[in-house]
Every structure is written in C-alpha cells, then in structure tokens.
Amino acid sequence: MTDSLEEIAAEIRRRIVNYSAATKTPHLGSCLSCVDILTVLYFDLLRIDPKQPKAPDRDRLILSKGHAAPALFQFLAMKGFFPYEDLLNSDHHNGGLFGEHPPTPDHLAGIEAATGSLGHGMPMGVGMALAARIKQTPYKVYAVLGDGECNEGSIWEAAMFAAAQKLDNMTIVVDYNKWQATGRTQEVLEIEPLADKWSSFGWDVCEVDGHNIAALQGALKAQTKGKPKAIIAHTVKGKGVSFMEDDNNWHYRTPNSEELAAAMLQLDR
C-alpha cells in the first residue's frame, strides 16, 4: 500500500506543477507541501464515493488552508469526482470553478466547504463533527490547516469547543511548512510550542514527518476515545522540486517554460 501511495503522491506533484504553469495559478509551494497528507487521506482513509458525493454517512475532508485548492482539485479529479479534462479546460479565473480557492459545495462535487479566509474551515468541520454525533451518523471529519492559519483566534475557539464536546470523530492535520505568505511563520507571529498548545486545549496530539507516508498512516489511524486528534505534520514548502523547496517566492510565483522543464526532470524520476 505504501509504495502505491508514494506513486500517487508523485503523480499528483507532477500534475500540480503542470497545472500551475498552464493556468498561471499560484500557491504552488503550499500545494506541494500538503500532497502526502492528502494522499493518505484520499487514498487510504476517507470513506467517500464519487458516485454519491452527498451520501449522508460519507467522511468529510475540509481543506481549511484553502489557497492549496489546486492540489485539492487534482485529488478530486483522480478520485473521479469530475473528469480530469474539466480541470484542464475550464476557466481558472474570472469566476471559473477551478480558481485559487475551493468553490462552494453546490458548485463542485467533492468539496465540503468553500475556504480561503483562513481560520474558517476547521471550525466548520467541528460543527460537522458535532452534527454527526447529534444525528448518530458514523462519519469522521478531517481538516487540513496551514501553520500560519493557527494565528487565527477562530481556530482556538473551535479547538476549545471540540475538546469540551469530546469530539473524537474530528481530526486536524497542520501542514507545518514554516512559512506564511509574507515570511517565516515564527517571525510573523510565533506559534511554538504548537504541539503543546493543542495538547493544552485538550486534544490528543502527535508530531510526524509530513512527507513520510507510513508515519502519516499511523498517526491518522490512531485515535483516543473522547478526544479530538491533532497531527502536527512537519513539511517542506515546495516539496519535490529542489529549487522550489523552502523558497517562499513560490507562494505566488508560477513556473515559466524553463522552470517547468527543470521541475519535470526531477518529478519524473
């Protein structure tokens, strides 16, 4: 299973870089850092069916760091929620479905929440997790956050609520790539000790290498009864392309033809 997941992650990275170059869609570095996390979620954990995208008992995944939507679109296409050709041929700006952030669920199958304003997706997920308990529906809710997103007060309000309600059907993964849009996370607003913060808010917490498929599998499948789960996944922004890795210029830049060719040489290995 692990080898298969690694192959999927490699293919997704190739598609993301090609997509960014073809459509001039930014946030490339942020997309590449969360690929392994989303690979394990979409291809090993989530109980979802593209033929029944609104099934009441489906698991929910919210990309709370909505600027990584170009990565999310690739996963949804690969899972069969819409044809890959739609992603390539659609208008990617000017109100098109495949913009820089996820659209509303009514506009695109597989989307659980329109995100982009940071700090909103994870609280929506907490509400969904509470709804599952009230309705006695056995679905799980996952939210992928950015580390810069943890600056938002709404994250910590939701964290307190989830722990108080003992929502053990809720898991968050922090894509901790150490960058925000304008600088190093620790320089913009220090968030360490991050794991201790989540723990002090009553969550079951672990830290993993966010590019280690097996470690992510183990962390995501472990759950403590009566506690929501927080996984701090240490990642590299721009992971997979050496000249993009840990370079925050790729938060907004898109590759030119020469850079695309150089990236593909590395990603096609």
Protein backbone atom coordinates (compact mmCIF):
# COMPACT_ATOMS: atom_id res chain seq x y z
CA MET A 1 0.00 0.00 0.00
CA THR A 2 2.78 2.44 0.92
CA ASP A 3 4.53 2.13 -2.46
CA SER A 4 1.23 2.72 -4.24
CA LEU A 5 0.53 5.82 -2.17
CA GLU A 6 4.00 7.17 -2.88
CA GLU A 7 3.39 6.71 -6.59
CA ILE A 8 0.10 8.57 -6.33
CA ALA A 9 1.80 11.42 -4.47
CA ALA A 10 4.48 11.65 -7.15
CA GLU A 11 1.88 11.79 -9.92
CA ILE A 12 -0.11 14.45 -8.08
CA ARG A 13 3.01 16.59 -7.73
CA ARG A 14 3.64 16.36 -11.47
CA ARG A 15 0.05 17.36 -12.20
CA ILE A 16 0.14 20.28 -9.75
CA VAL A 17 3.27 21.79 -11.29
CA ASN A 18 1.95 21.33 -14.84
CA TYR A 19 -1.38 22.86 -13.81
CA SER A 20 0.29 25.88 -12.24
CA ALA A 21 2.36 26.51 -15.36
CA ALA A 22 -0.57 26.04 -17.75
CA THR A 23 -3.13 28.12 -15.84
CA LYS A 24 -0.83 30.63 -14.08
CA THR A 25 -2.39 29.59 -10.77
CA PRO A 26 -0.18 30.44 -7.75
CA HIS A 27 0.28 28.93 -4.28
CA LEU A 28 2.44 26.22 -5.78
CA GLY A 29 4.69 25.84 -2.74
CA SER A 30 1.70 25.50 -0.41
CA CYS A 31 0.17 22.85 -2.67
CA LEU A 32 3.30 20.73 -2.85
CA SER A 33 3.79 20.68 0.93
CA CYS A 34 0.44 19.02 1.66
CA VAL A 35 0.44 16.37 -1.10
CA ASP A 36 1.49 13.45 1.09
CA ILE A 37 -1.08 14.36 3.74
CA LEU A 38 -3.89 14.49 1.19
CA THR A 39 -2.68 11.30 -0.49
CA VAL A 40 -3.11 9.27 2.70
CA LEU A 41 -6.46 10.88 3.43
CA TYR A 42 -7.97 10.44 -0.03
CA PHE A 43 -6.48 7.09 -0.96
CA ASP A 44 -6.32 5.25 2.35
CA LEU A 45 -8.74 6.71 4.91
CA LEU A 46 -11.72 8.63 3.60
CA ARG A 47 -14.97 6.75 3.10
CA ILE A 48 -16.21 8.64 0.06
CA ASP A 49 -17.87 7.68 -3.21
CA PRO A 50 -17.68 9.99 -6.24
CA LYS A 51 -20.94 8.43 -7.48
CA GLN A 52 -22.64 9.55 -4.26
CA PRO A 53 -20.83 12.76 -3.30
CA LYS A 54 -23.62 13.81 -0.91
CA ALA A 55 -24.06 10.47 0.87
CA PRO A 56 -25.10 11.31 4.46
CA ASP A 57 -22.62 8.88 6.02
CA ARG A 58 -19.59 9.96 3.96
CA ASP A 59 -16.45 11.15 5.70
CA ARG A 60 -15.77 14.87 5.38
CA LEU A 61 -12.45 16.49 4.44
CA ILE A 62 -12.11 20.26 4.63
CA LEU A 63 -9.06 21.98 3.17
CA SER A 64 -9.02 24.79 5.69
CA LYS A 65 -5.86 26.20 4.06
CA GLY A 66 -7.95 26.97 1.00
CA HIS A 67 -5.13 28.51 -1.01
CA ALA A 68 -3.93 24.96 -1.69
CA ALA A 69 -7.08 24.34 -3.75
CA PRO A 70 -5.08 23.47 -6.91
CA ALA A 71 -3.83 20.39 -5.03
CA LEU A 72 -7.33 19.53 -3.85
CA PHE A 73 -8.67 19.72 -7.41
CA GLN A 74 -6.08 17.20 -8.58
CA PHE A 75 -7.10 14.71 -5.87
CA LEU A 76 -10.81 15.09 -6.62
CA ALA A 77 -10.19 14.55 -10.33
CA MET A 78 -8.06 11.48 -9.67
CA LYS A 79 -10.77 10.08 -7.39
CA GLY A 80 -13.35 10.53 -10.17
CA PHE A 81 -15.48 13.37 -8.83
CA PHE A 82 -15.19 15.09 -12.22
CA PRO A 83 -13.27 14.42 -15.45
CA TYR A 84 -9.64 15.45 -15.44
CA GLU A 85 -10.31 17.22 -18.76
CA ASP A 86 -12.69 19.59 -16.97
CA LEU A 87 -9.86 20.69 -14.74
CA LEU A 88 -7.53 21.31 -17.65
CA ASN A 89 -10.02 23.04 -19.94
CA SER A 90 -12.09 25.15 -17.54
CA ASP A 91 -11.72 28.89 -16.96
CA HIS A 92 -9.35 29.13 -13.99
CA HIS A 93 -10.04 32.76 -13.25
CA ASN A 94 -12.93 35.21 -13.74
CA GLY A 95 -15.41 33.18 -11.72
CA GLY A 96 -14.48 29.73 -13.03
CA LEU A 97 -14.95 26.66 -10.86
CA PHE A 98 -11.23 25.99 -10.53
CA GLY A 99 -9.92 29.21 -9.03
CA GLU A 100 -7.33 29.87 -6.38
CA HIS A 101 -9.64 28.66 -3.58
CA PRO A 102 -12.34 25.97 -3.38
CA PRO A 103 -15.82 26.94 -4.61
CA THR A 104 -18.99 26.17 -2.65
CA PRO A 105 -20.07 22.52 -2.34
CA ASP A 106 -23.06 23.15 -4.60
CA HIS A 107 -20.77 24.12 -7.46
CA LEU A 108 -18.25 21.27 -7.44
CA ALA A 109 -18.65 17.64 -6.34
CA GLY A 110 -16.31 16.54 -3.57
CA ILE A 111 -15.95 19.97 -1.97
CA GLU A 112 -17.22 20.14 1.60
CA ALA A 113 -16.65 23.85 2.29
CA ALA A 114 -15.61 26.96 0.39
CA THR A 115 -12.46 28.07 2.18
CA GLY A 116 -9.93 30.80 1.66
CA SER A 117 -10.40 33.17 4.53
CA LEU A 118 -8.09 31.41 6.95
CA GLY A 119 -9.46 30.14 10.23
CA HIS A 120 -12.92 29.24 8.93
CA GLY A 121 -12.64 25.71 7.54
CA MET A 122 -11.60 23.94 10.73
CA PRO A 123 -14.44 25.48 12.81
CA MET A 124 -16.92 24.38 10.13
CA GLY A 125 -15.50 20.88 10.45
CA VAL A 126 -16.05 20.95 14.20
CA GLY A 127 -19.68 21.79 13.54
CA MET A 128 -19.95 18.85 11.15
CA ALA A 129 -18.41 16.55 13.75
CA LEU A 130 -20.94 17.69 16.33
CA ALA A 131 -23.76 17.17 13.80
CA ALA A 132 -22.58 13.58 13.27
CA ARG A 133 -22.93 12.92 16.98
CA ILE A 134 -26.35 14.53 17.21
CA LYS A 135 -27.61 12.58 14.19
CA GLN A 136 -25.82 9.42 15.34
CA THR A 137 -24.13 9.16 11.94
CA PRO A 138 -20.75 7.38 11.98
CA TYR A 139 -18.78 9.68 9.71
CA LYS A 140 -15.45 11.27 10.54
CA VAL A 141 -14.30 14.81 9.83
CA TYR A 142 -10.79 15.81 8.81
CA ALA A 143 -9.44 19.33 8.36
CA VAL A 144 -6.05 20.28 6.89
CA LEU A 145 -4.73 23.55 8.30
CA GLY A 146 -1.77 25.75 7.48
CA ASP A 147 0.64 26.71 10.24
CA GLY A 148 0.04 30.41 9.57
CA GLU A 149 -3.66 29.71 9.91
CA CYS A 150 -3.05 28.85 13.55
CA ASN A 151 -2.63 32.60 14.13
CA GLU A 152 -6.41 32.94 13.83
CA GLY A 153 -8.46 33.15 17.02
CA SER A 154 -11.33 31.20 15.48
CA ILE A 155 -9.07 28.15 15.33
CA TRP A 156 -8.60 28.19 19.08
CA GLU A 157 -12.25 28.86 19.83
CA ALA A 158 -13.11 25.78 17.77
CA ALA A 159 -10.31 23.82 19.46
CA MET A 160 -11.76 24.57 22.90
CA PHE A 161 -15.25 23.63 21.76
CA ALA A 162 -14.20 20.34 20.14
CA ALA A 163 -12.32 19.24 23.25
CA ALA A 164 -15.17 20.28 25.56
CA GLN A 165 -17.59 18.24 23.44
CA LYS A 166 -15.18 15.29 23.32
CA LEU A 167 -15.43 15.12 19.52
CA ASP A 168 -13.26 12.07 18.87
CA ASN A 169 -14.63 11.92 15.31
CA MET A 170 -12.64 15.08 14.48
CA THR A 171 -9.03 15.11 13.27
CA ILE A 172 -6.96 18.08 12.16
CA VAL A 173 -3.61 17.98 10.38
CA VAL A 174 -1.41 21.07 10.48
CA ASP A 175 0.69 21.34 7.33
CA TYR A 176 3.61 22.87 9.21
CA ASN A 177 5.86 24.11 6.39
CA LYS A 178 7.22 27.02 8.49
CA TRP A 179 6.14 29.74 6.02
CA GLN A 180 3.31 32.21 5.64
CA ALA A 181 2.54 34.44 2.67
CA THR A 182 4.92 37.18 3.76
CA GLY A 183 7.58 35.44 5.81
CA ARG A 184 8.66 32.74 8.22
CA THR A 185 5.84 31.66 10.50
CA GLN A 186 7.96 32.16 13.61
CA GLU A 187 8.87 35.68 12.50
CA VAL A 188 5.35 36.80 11.54
CA LEU A 189 3.76 35.54 14.75
CA GLU A 190 5.47 32.84 16.80
CA ILE A 191 3.20 29.82 17.29
CA GLU A 192 5.55 27.49 19.13
CA PRO A 193 5.24 25.37 21.16
CA LEU A 194 2.50 24.30 18.73
CA ALA A 195 2.04 20.69 19.85
CA ASP A 196 1.88 21.78 23.49
CA LYS A 197 -0.76 24.37 22.63
CA TRP A 198 -3.08 21.79 21.06
CA SER A 199 -2.45 19.43 23.95
CA SER A 200 -3.26 22.14 26.50
CA PHE A 201 -6.55 22.71 24.69
CA GLY A 202 -7.48 19.08 25.36
CA TRP A 203 -6.55 17.40 22.08
CA ASP A 204 -4.73 14.12 21.51
CA VAL A 205 -1.55 15.33 19.78
CA CYS A 206 1.30 13.79 17.83
CA GLU A 207 4.08 15.14 15.59
CA VAL A 208 5.17 13.40 12.38
CA ASP A 209 7.24 13.87 9.27
CA GLY A 210 4.56 15.15 6.90
CA HIS A 211 6.26 13.52 3.92
CA ASN A 212 6.53 10.05 5.46
CA ILE A 213 3.54 8.10 4.15
CA ALA A 214 3.77 5.31 6.73
CA ALA A 215 4.09 7.77 9.61
CA LEU A 216 1.06 9.71 8.38
CA GLN A 217 -0.94 6.50 8.08
CA GLY A 218 -0.12 5.51 11.62
CA ALA A 219 -0.93 8.93 13.06
CA LEU A 220 -4.20 9.30 11.17
CA LYS A 221 -5.47 5.85 12.12
CA ALA A 222 -4.72 6.24 15.83
CA GLN A 223 -7.48 7.77 17.93
CA THR A 224 -8.01 8.33 21.64
CA LYS A 225 -11.59 7.85 22.81
CA GLY A 226 -13.16 11.09 23.99
CA LYS A 227 -10.56 13.42 22.46
CA PRO A 228 -10.24 15.13 19.07
CA LYS A 229 -6.95 14.42 17.28
CA ALA A 230 -4.32 16.98 16.22
CA ILE A 231 -1.42 15.93 13.99
CA ILE A 232 1.45 18.36 13.59
CA ALA A 233 2.92 17.35 10.21
CA HIS A 234 6.35 18.85 9.63
CA THR A 235 6.62 19.58 5.90
CA VAL A 236 8.70 21.45 3.36
CA LYS A 237 7.12 24.17 1.27
CA GLY A 238 7.61 23.30 -2.40
CA LYS A 239 8.42 19.66 -1.57
CA GLY A 240 9.60 17.61 -4.55
CA VAL A 241 11.29 20.30 -6.64
CA SER A 242 14.68 21.26 -5.28
CA PHE A 243 14.68 24.88 -6.43
CA MET A 244 11.19 25.42 -5.00
CA GLU A 245 11.79 23.76 -1.65
CA ASP A 246 11.74 26.14 1.32
CA ASP A 247 11.63 29.13 -1.06
CA ASN A 248 8.67 31.35 -0.24
CA ASN A 249 8.81 33.05 -3.65
CA TRP A 250 6.77 30.06 -4.84
CA HIS A 251 3.85 31.15 -2.70
CA TYR A 252 2.85 33.50 -5.53
CA ARG A 253 5.10 32.63 -8.48
CA THR A 254 4.18 30.24 -11.29
CA PRO A 255 6.83 28.40 -13.34
CA ASN A 256 7.91 29.59 -16.77
CA SER A 257 8.68 27.08 -19.52
CA GLU A 258 12.31 26.61 -18.46
CA GLU A 259 11.39 26.13 -14.82
CA LEU A 260 8.61 23.72 -15.75
CA ALA A 261 11.05 21.61 -17.75
CA ALA A 262 13.56 21.59 -14.90
CA ALA A 263 10.87 20.63 -12.39
CA MET A 264 9.61 17.79 -14.58
CA LEU A 265 13.12 16.37 -14.84
CA GLN A 266 13.10 15.96 -11.06
CA LEU A 267 9.47 14.85 -10.68
CA ASP A 268 9.64 12.28 -13.47
CA ARG A 269 12.42 10.32 -11.77
